[in-house]
Amino acid sequence: MVTGTGNAGFDDPSAEVLTEAAGVFGLLASPARLHIVWALAQGESDVTGLAERVGGALPAVSQHLTKLRLAGLVRSRREGRRQVYFVDDPDIVTVVRLLVGRLTDRAENTPVRHLRGV
């Protein structure tokens, strides 16, 4: 294994771990799925409430939830006739909140640039 001077004592992750991480990031690369995870990081919801919040069609949001659930990023439980979805992995919540929060702050603090004269 090749180690650089800036690795602060960390070993490189295995190929399997990198593949799994890339799969998770791939699922979150969809703006719709990222919005769903963001919404669920704020609190649990059923598919109807999520569709209203993220502005998606009910069947599309349901399909996204199925993919996220199969990947283990969200979980669900039955409440009567409703299926309630939630994120119970604090690390996923932290990563999503950190990234979206940082990008939001950056966007709010960056002056709007006009393309006149370009």
N, C-alpha and C. Protein backbone atom coordinates (compact mmCIF):
# COMPACT_ATOMS: atom_id res chain seq x y z
N MET A 1 0.84 -1.17 0.00
CA MET A 1 0.00 0.00 0.00
C MET A 1 0.89 1.23 0.00
N VAL A 2 0.59 2.19 -0.84
CA VAL A 2 1.35 3.43 -0.91
C VAL A 2 0.70 4.41 0.04
N THR A 3 1.49 5.00 0.89
CA THR A 3 0.96 6.00 1.81
C THR A 3 1.66 7.32 1.57
N GLY A 4 0.89 8.37 1.64
CA GLY A 4 1.45 9.71 1.46
C GLY A 4 1.73 10.33 2.80
N THR A 5 2.34 11.50 2.79
CA THR A 5 2.68 12.18 4.03
C THR A 5 1.46 12.84 4.65
N GLY A 6 0.40 13.05 3.88
CA GLY A 6 -0.76 13.75 4.40
C GLY A 6 -1.90 12.86 4.81
N ASN A 7 -1.68 11.58 5.03
CA ASN A 7 -2.80 10.70 5.34
C ASN A 7 -3.15 10.66 6.82
N ALA A 8 -2.42 11.36 7.67
CA ALA A 8 -2.71 11.47 9.11
C ALA A 8 -2.93 10.12 9.77
N GLY A 9 -2.24 9.09 9.29
CA GLY A 9 -2.32 7.79 9.94
C GLY A 9 -3.50 6.93 9.53
N PHE A 10 -4.27 7.34 8.56
CA PHE A 10 -5.42 6.57 8.11
C PHE A 10 -5.01 5.63 6.99
N ASP A 11 -5.47 4.39 7.06
CA ASP A 11 -5.26 3.44 5.97
C ASP A 11 -6.32 3.67 4.91
N ASP A 12 -5.97 3.34 3.67
CA ASP A 12 -6.95 3.43 2.60
C ASP A 12 -8.04 2.40 2.83
N PRO A 13 -9.30 2.76 2.52
CA PRO A 13 -10.39 1.79 2.67
C PRO A 13 -10.26 0.68 1.61
N SER A 14 -10.89 -0.43 1.90
CA SER A 14 -10.86 -1.55 0.95
C SER A 14 -11.68 -1.21 -0.29
N ALA A 15 -11.46 -1.95 -1.34
CA ALA A 15 -12.23 -1.77 -2.58
C ALA A 15 -13.71 -1.99 -2.33
N GLU A 16 -14.04 -2.94 -1.47
CA GLU A 16 -15.44 -3.22 -1.16
C GLU A 16 -16.10 -2.03 -0.48
N VAL A 17 -15.40 -1.43 0.48
CA VAL A 17 -15.95 -0.26 1.18
C VAL A 17 -16.13 0.90 0.22
N LEU A 18 -15.13 1.13 -0.64
CA LEU A 18 -15.24 2.22 -1.62
C LEU A 18 -16.41 1.98 -2.58
N THR A 19 -16.61 0.74 -2.98
CA THR A 19 -17.71 0.42 -3.88
C THR A 19 -19.05 0.67 -3.19
N GLU A 20 -19.17 0.26 -1.94
CA GLU A 20 -20.41 0.49 -1.20
C GLU A 20 -20.66 1.99 -1.00
N ALA A 21 -19.61 2.73 -0.64
CA ALA A 21 -19.75 4.17 -0.44
C ALA A 21 -20.16 4.86 -1.75
N ALA A 22 -19.56 4.45 -2.85
CA ALA A 22 -19.92 5.03 -4.15
C ALA A 22 -21.38 4.74 -4.48
N GLY A 23 -21.87 3.57 -4.11
CA GLY A 23 -23.27 3.24 -4.33
C GLY A 23 -24.20 4.14 -3.53
N VAL A 24 -23.84 4.40 -2.28
CA VAL A 24 -24.65 5.29 -1.44
C VAL A 24 -24.63 6.69 -2.01
N PHE A 25 -23.44 7.20 -2.35
CA PHE A 25 -23.37 8.53 -2.93
C PHE A 25 -24.09 8.58 -4.28
N GLY A 26 -24.06 7.49 -5.02
CA GLY A 26 -24.80 7.43 -6.29
C GLY A 26 -26.30 7.58 -6.07
N LEU A 27 -26.82 6.92 -5.05
CA LEU A 27 -28.24 7.07 -4.74
C LEU A 27 -28.57 8.50 -4.33
N LEU A 28 -27.68 9.13 -3.59
CA LEU A 28 -27.91 10.50 -3.14
C LEU A 28 -27.60 11.52 -4.21
N ALA A 29 -27.06 11.07 -5.35
CA ALA A 29 -26.76 11.99 -6.45
C ALA A 29 -28.01 12.47 -7.17
N SER A 30 -29.12 11.82 -6.94
CA SER A 30 -30.39 12.25 -7.51
C SER A 30 -30.96 13.37 -6.65
N PRO A 31 -31.23 14.55 -7.24
CA PRO A 31 -31.81 15.64 -6.44
C PRO A 31 -33.11 15.23 -5.74
N ALA A 32 -33.92 14.43 -6.39
CA ALA A 32 -35.19 14.01 -5.78
C ALA A 32 -34.93 13.13 -4.55
N ARG A 33 -34.02 12.17 -4.67
CA ARG A 33 -33.74 11.29 -3.52
C ARG A 33 -33.04 12.06 -2.41
N LEU A 34 -32.15 12.97 -2.77
CA LEU A 34 -31.49 13.79 -1.75
C LEU A 34 -32.51 14.65 -1.01
N HIS A 35 -33.47 15.20 -1.74
CA HIS A 35 -34.52 16.01 -1.11
C HIS A 35 -35.35 15.14 -0.16
N ILE A 36 -35.65 13.93 -0.56
CA ILE A 36 -36.41 13.01 0.29
C ILE A 36 -35.64 12.70 1.57
N VAL A 37 -34.35 12.38 1.43
CA VAL A 37 -33.54 12.09 2.62
C VAL A 37 -33.44 13.33 3.50
N TRP A 38 -33.27 14.50 2.88
CA TRP A 38 -33.23 15.76 3.64
C TRP A 38 -34.53 15.93 4.43
N ALA A 39 -35.65 15.73 3.78
CA ALA A 39 -36.95 15.88 4.46
C ALA A 39 -37.09 14.88 5.60
N LEU A 40 -36.69 13.64 5.36
CA LEU A 40 -36.80 12.61 6.40
C LEU A 40 -35.81 12.84 7.53
N ALA A 41 -34.71 13.53 7.25
CA ALA A 41 -33.76 13.87 8.31
C ALA A 41 -34.37 14.87 9.29
N GLN A 42 -35.39 15.60 8.81
CA GLN A 42 -36.08 16.56 9.67
C GLN A 42 -37.19 15.89 10.48
N GLY A 43 -37.65 14.74 10.02
CA GLY A 43 -38.71 14.02 10.73
C GLY A 43 -39.39 13.02 9.82
N GLU A 44 -40.01 12.02 10.42
CA GLU A 44 -40.64 10.96 9.64
C GLU A 44 -41.86 11.45 8.89
N SER A 45 -42.25 10.69 7.86
CA SER A 45 -43.39 11.08 7.03
C SER A 45 -43.88 9.88 6.24
N ASP A 46 -45.12 9.96 5.81
CA ASP A 46 -45.61 8.96 4.87
C ASP A 46 -45.35 9.47 3.46
N VAL A 47 -45.63 8.61 2.48
CA VAL A 47 -45.29 8.95 1.10
C VAL A 47 -46.10 10.15 0.59
N THR A 48 -47.34 10.29 1.04
CA THR A 48 -48.15 11.43 0.60
C THR A 48 -47.56 12.75 1.11
N GLY A 49 -47.18 12.78 2.39
CA GLY A 49 -46.57 13.98 2.94
C GLY A 49 -45.25 14.31 2.28
N LEU A 50 -44.47 13.28 1.97
CA LEU A 50 -43.19 13.51 1.28
C LEU A 50 -43.42 14.04 -0.13
N ALA A 51 -44.37 13.47 -0.84
CA ALA A 51 -44.65 13.93 -2.20
C ALA A 51 -45.04 15.41 -2.20
N GLU A 52 -45.85 15.79 -1.22
CA GLU A 52 -46.25 17.20 -1.12
C GLU A 52 -45.05 18.08 -0.79
N ARG A 53 -44.22 17.62 0.13
CA ARG A 53 -43.08 18.43 0.56
C ARG A 53 -42.03 18.61 -0.53
N VAL A 54 -41.73 17.53 -1.25
CA VAL A 54 -40.67 17.62 -2.25
C VAL A 54 -41.20 17.99 -3.64
N GLY A 55 -42.51 18.07 -3.77
CA GLY A 55 -43.09 18.46 -5.04
C GLY A 55 -43.01 17.39 -6.11
N GLY A 56 -43.05 16.15 -5.69
CA GLY A 56 -42.97 15.04 -6.64
C GLY A 56 -44.28 14.30 -6.77
N ALA A 57 -44.41 13.58 -7.85
CA ALA A 57 -45.59 12.74 -8.05
C ALA A 57 -45.52 11.55 -7.09
N LEU A 58 -46.64 11.15 -6.57
CA LEU A 58 -46.70 10.07 -5.60
C LEU A 58 -46.00 8.79 -6.07
N PRO A 59 -46.25 8.31 -7.31
CA PRO A 59 -45.57 7.09 -7.76
C PRO A 59 -44.04 7.25 -7.83
N ALA A 60 -43.58 8.41 -8.25
CA ALA A 60 -42.13 8.65 -8.35
C ALA A 60 -41.49 8.67 -6.97
N VAL A 61 -42.12 9.36 -6.01
CA VAL A 61 -41.59 9.41 -4.65
C VAL A 61 -41.59 8.02 -4.04
N SER A 62 -42.62 7.25 -4.31
CA SER A 62 -42.70 5.88 -3.81
C SER A 62 -41.55 5.04 -4.36
N GLN A 63 -41.25 5.19 -5.64
CA GLN A 63 -40.14 4.44 -6.24
C GLN A 63 -38.80 4.85 -5.64
N HIS A 64 -38.61 6.16 -5.42
CA HIS A 64 -37.38 6.63 -4.79
C HIS A 64 -37.25 6.06 -3.38
N LEU A 65 -38.35 6.05 -2.64
CA LEU A 65 -38.32 5.49 -1.28
C LEU A 65 -37.96 4.01 -1.29
N THR A 66 -38.47 3.29 -2.26
CA THR A 66 -38.15 1.86 -2.36
C THR A 66 -36.66 1.68 -2.56
N LYS A 67 -36.05 2.46 -3.45
CA LYS A 67 -34.60 2.36 -3.68
C LYS A 67 -33.82 2.72 -2.43
N LEU A 68 -34.22 3.79 -1.76
CA LEU A 68 -33.53 4.22 -0.55
C LEU A 68 -33.67 3.19 0.57
N ARG A 69 -34.85 2.57 0.65
CA ARG A 69 -35.09 1.55 1.68
C ARG A 69 -34.27 0.30 1.40
N LEU A 70 -34.25 -0.13 0.14
CA LEU A 70 -33.46 -1.31 -0.21
C LEU A 70 -31.97 -1.11 0.04
N ALA A 71 -31.50 0.13 -0.10
CA ALA A 71 -30.10 0.44 0.14
C ALA A 71 -29.80 0.63 1.63
N GLY A 72 -30.84 0.63 2.45
CA GLY A 72 -30.66 0.79 3.89
C GLY A 72 -30.50 2.23 4.34
N LEU A 73 -30.81 3.19 3.46
CA LEU A 73 -30.69 4.60 3.84
C LEU A 73 -31.91 5.11 4.58
N VAL A 74 -33.07 4.54 4.31
CA VAL A 74 -34.28 4.87 5.05
C VAL A 74 -34.94 3.57 5.49
N ARG A 75 -35.76 3.69 6.51
CA ARG A 75 -36.53 2.55 7.00
C ARG A 75 -37.98 2.94 7.03
N SER A 76 -38.82 1.95 7.24
CA SER A 76 -40.26 2.24 7.31
C SER A 76 -40.90 1.36 8.36
N ARG A 77 -42.05 1.81 8.80
CA ARG A 77 -42.86 1.01 9.70
C ARG A 77 -44.32 1.28 9.37
N ARG A 78 -45.15 0.33 9.68
CA ARG A 78 -46.58 0.44 9.39
C ARG A 78 -47.28 1.07 10.59
N GLU A 79 -48.10 2.07 10.30
CA GLU A 79 -48.99 2.67 11.30
C GLU A 79 -50.41 2.58 10.74
N GLY A 80 -51.12 1.55 11.15
CA GLY A 80 -52.44 1.32 10.57
C GLY A 80 -52.31 1.00 9.10
N ARG A 81 -52.94 1.82 8.27
CA ARG A 81 -52.86 1.60 6.82
C ARG A 81 -51.73 2.39 6.17
N ARG A 82 -51.08 3.24 6.95
CA ARG A 82 -49.99 4.08 6.41
C ARG A 82 -48.63 3.43 6.61
N GLN A 83 -47.75 3.67 5.66
CA GLN A 83 -46.35 3.28 5.79
C GLN A 83 -45.59 4.57 6.11
N VAL A 84 -44.91 4.61 7.24
CA VAL A 84 -44.19 5.81 7.67
C VAL A 84 -42.69 5.57 7.44
N TYR A 85 -42.04 6.53 6.81
CA TYR A 85 -40.62 6.42 6.47
C TYR A 85 -39.80 7.33 7.38
N PHE A 86 -38.56 6.92 7.65
CA PHE A 86 -37.68 7.69 8.50
C PHE A 86 -36.23 7.30 8.22
N VAL A 87 -35.32 8.19 8.59
CA VAL A 87 -33.89 7.91 8.54
C VAL A 87 -33.45 7.69 9.97
N ASP A 88 -32.95 6.51 10.28
CA ASP A 88 -32.53 6.27 11.66
C ASP A 88 -31.02 6.14 11.79
N ASP A 89 -30.28 6.43 10.73
CA ASP A 89 -28.82 6.38 10.78
C ASP A 89 -28.31 7.81 10.99
N PRO A 90 -27.83 8.13 12.19
CA PRO A 90 -27.39 9.50 12.45
C PRO A 90 -26.24 9.95 11.54
N ASP A 91 -25.44 9.01 11.05
CA ASP A 91 -24.34 9.38 10.16
C ASP A 91 -24.86 9.89 8.82
N ILE A 92 -25.89 9.24 8.28
CA ILE A 92 -26.49 9.70 7.02
C ILE A 92 -27.09 11.09 7.22
N VAL A 93 -27.80 11.28 8.33
CA VAL A 93 -28.39 12.58 8.64
C VAL A 93 -27.29 13.64 8.72
N THR A 94 -26.21 13.33 9.40
CA THR A 94 -25.10 14.28 9.55
C THR A 94 -24.49 14.65 8.20
N VAL A 95 -24.23 13.65 7.37
CA VAL A 95 -23.61 13.91 6.06
C VAL A 95 -24.52 14.78 5.20
N VAL A 96 -25.79 14.46 5.14
CA VAL A 96 -26.73 15.22 4.31
C VAL A 96 -26.89 16.63 4.85
N ARG A 97 -27.07 16.78 6.15
CA ARG A 97 -27.23 18.12 6.74
C ARG A 97 -25.98 18.96 6.55
N LEU A 98 -24.82 18.35 6.74
CA LEU A 98 -23.56 19.07 6.60
C LEU A 98 -23.37 19.57 5.17
N LEU A 99 -23.54 18.68 4.20
CA LEU A 99 -23.33 19.05 2.81
C LEU A 99 -24.35 20.08 2.33
N VAL A 100 -25.63 19.81 2.56
CA VAL A 100 -26.66 20.74 2.10
C VAL A 100 -26.54 22.08 2.83
N GLY A 101 -26.26 22.04 4.13
CA GLY A 101 -26.09 23.28 4.88
C GLY A 101 -24.92 24.10 4.39
N ARG A 102 -23.81 23.43 4.14
CA ARG A 102 -22.62 24.16 3.65
C ARG A 102 -22.88 24.77 2.28
N LEU A 103 -23.51 24.02 1.39
CA LEU A 103 -23.80 24.55 0.05
C LEU A 103 -24.81 25.68 0.11
N THR A 104 -25.77 25.58 1.02
CA THR A 104 -26.75 26.66 1.19
C THR A 104 -26.06 27.92 1.68
N ASP A 105 -25.19 27.79 2.69
CA ASP A 105 -24.44 28.94 3.19
C ASP A 105 -23.59 29.57 2.11
N ARG A 106 -22.93 28.73 1.32
CA ARG A 106 -22.08 29.22 0.26
C ARG A 106 -22.91 29.99 -0.78
N ALA A 107 -24.08 29.45 -1.13
CA ALA A 107 -24.93 30.10 -2.13
C ALA A 107 -25.46 31.44 -1.60
N GLU A 108 -25.78 31.49 -0.31
CA GLU A 108 -26.30 32.73 0.27
C GLU A 108 -25.23 33.80 0.42
N ASN A 109 -23.97 33.40 0.52
CA ASN A 109 -22.89 34.36 0.72
C ASN A 109 -22.12 34.68 -0.55
N THR A 110 -22.54 34.12 -1.68
CA THR A 110 -21.89 34.37 -2.95
C THR A 110 -22.72 35.38 -3.73
N PRO A 111 -22.11 36.49 -4.11
CA PRO A 111 -22.88 37.49 -4.89
C PRO A 111 -23.30 36.91 -6.24
N VAL A 112 -24.46 37.32 -6.68
CA VAL A 112 -24.95 36.88 -7.98
C VAL A 112 -24.11 37.53 -9.06
N ARG A 113 -23.62 36.72 -9.98
CA ARG A 113 -22.78 37.23 -11.06
C ARG A 113 -23.59 37.28 -12.34
N HIS A 114 -23.54 38.39 -12.97
CA HIS A 114 -24.25 38.55 -14.24
C HIS A 114 -23.31 38.21 -15.38
N LEU A 115 -23.86 37.67 -16.44
CA LEU A 115 -23.04 37.24 -17.57
C LEU A 115 -22.92 38.31 -18.65
N ARG A 116 -23.27 39.53 -18.33
CA ARG A 116 -23.14 40.60 -19.32
C ARG A 116 -21.68 40.81 -19.69
N GLY A 117 -21.43 40.96 -20.93
CA GLY A 117 -20.09 41.25 -21.41
C GLY A 117 -19.18 40.02 -21.45
N VAL A 118 -19.75 38.84 -21.27
CA VAL A 118 -18.92 37.64 -21.29
C VAL A 118 -18.89 37.07 -22.67
